[in-house]
Amino acid sequence: MAFDNWQEHEAHFDDAESIPEMDYPRAKSARQVPSHVRRILDQQRHTFTTDVAA
């Protein structure tokens, strides 16, 4: 959800708690993912949904 109006954003989410960052490592690019994990993900990619919410 994007807001062009910061006042609207604050009205909706000003009292919301921040979501804490997870303690797990994350990869920001494919080169940071071990090759055996990339192969597994590539084999299973058809199980991931590609539907985009409107």
Protein backbone atom coordinates (compact mmCIF):
# COMPACT_ATOMS: atom_id res chain seq x y z
CA MET A 1 0.00 0.00 0.00
CA ALA A 2 1.46 3.34 -1.00
CA PHE A 3 0.53 6.75 0.28
CA ASP A 4 1.00 9.99 -1.63
CA ASN A 5 -0.28 11.89 1.39
CA TRP A 6 1.76 11.55 4.59
CA GLN A 7 -1.10 12.84 6.77
CA GLU A 8 -3.31 10.04 5.45
CA HIS A 9 -0.58 7.50 6.26
CA GLU A 10 -0.23 8.81 9.80
CA ALA A 11 -4.01 8.73 10.26
CA HIS A 12 -4.07 5.05 9.32
CA PHE A 13 -0.85 3.80 10.92
CA ASP A 14 0.38 6.31 13.49
CA ASP A 15 -0.39 4.06 16.47
CA ALA A 16 0.66 0.82 14.76
CA GLU A 17 3.63 -1.06 16.17
CA SER A 18 6.70 -1.49 14.01
CA ILE A 19 7.32 -5.00 12.79
CA PRO A 20 10.63 -6.18 14.24
CA GLU A 21 13.28 -7.43 11.87
CA MET A 22 13.66 -11.21 11.83
CA ASP A 23 16.79 -12.85 13.21
CA TYR A 24 17.25 -14.90 10.03
CA PRO A 25 19.80 -13.97 7.38
CA ARG A 26 18.42 -12.69 4.11
CA ALA A 27 19.72 -12.60 0.57
CA LYS A 28 19.36 -9.41 -1.39
CA SER A 29 20.55 -10.93 -4.66
CA ALA A 30 20.76 -14.39 -6.22
CA ARG A 31 24.54 -14.51 -5.83
CA GLN A 32 24.12 -14.50 -2.05
CA VAL A 33 22.05 -17.71 -2.15
CA PRO A 34 24.05 -20.96 -2.17
CA SER A 35 23.85 -22.77 -5.51
CA HIS A 36 22.23 -25.89 -4.04
CA VAL A 37 19.45 -23.74 -2.54
CA ARG A 38 18.94 -21.96 -5.88
CA ARG A 39 18.59 -25.36 -7.59
CA ILE A 40 15.95 -26.46 -5.06
CA LEU A 41 14.04 -23.20 -5.46
CA ASP A 42 14.25 -23.44 -9.24
CA GLN A 43 12.83 -26.97 -9.16
CA GLN A 44 9.96 -25.86 -6.91
CA ARG A 45 9.18 -22.48 -8.47
CA HIS A 46 6.01 -23.80 -10.12
CA THR A 47 4.51 -24.24 -6.64
CA PHE A 48 4.87 -20.54 -5.87
CA THR A 49 1.91 -18.38 -6.75
CA THR A 50 2.24 -15.61 -9.31
CA ASP A 51 -1.12 -14.00 -8.58
CA VAL A 52 -0.90 -10.29 -7.89
CA ALA A 53 -3.48 -8.54 -5.76
CA ALA A 54 -5.31 -5.79 -7.56
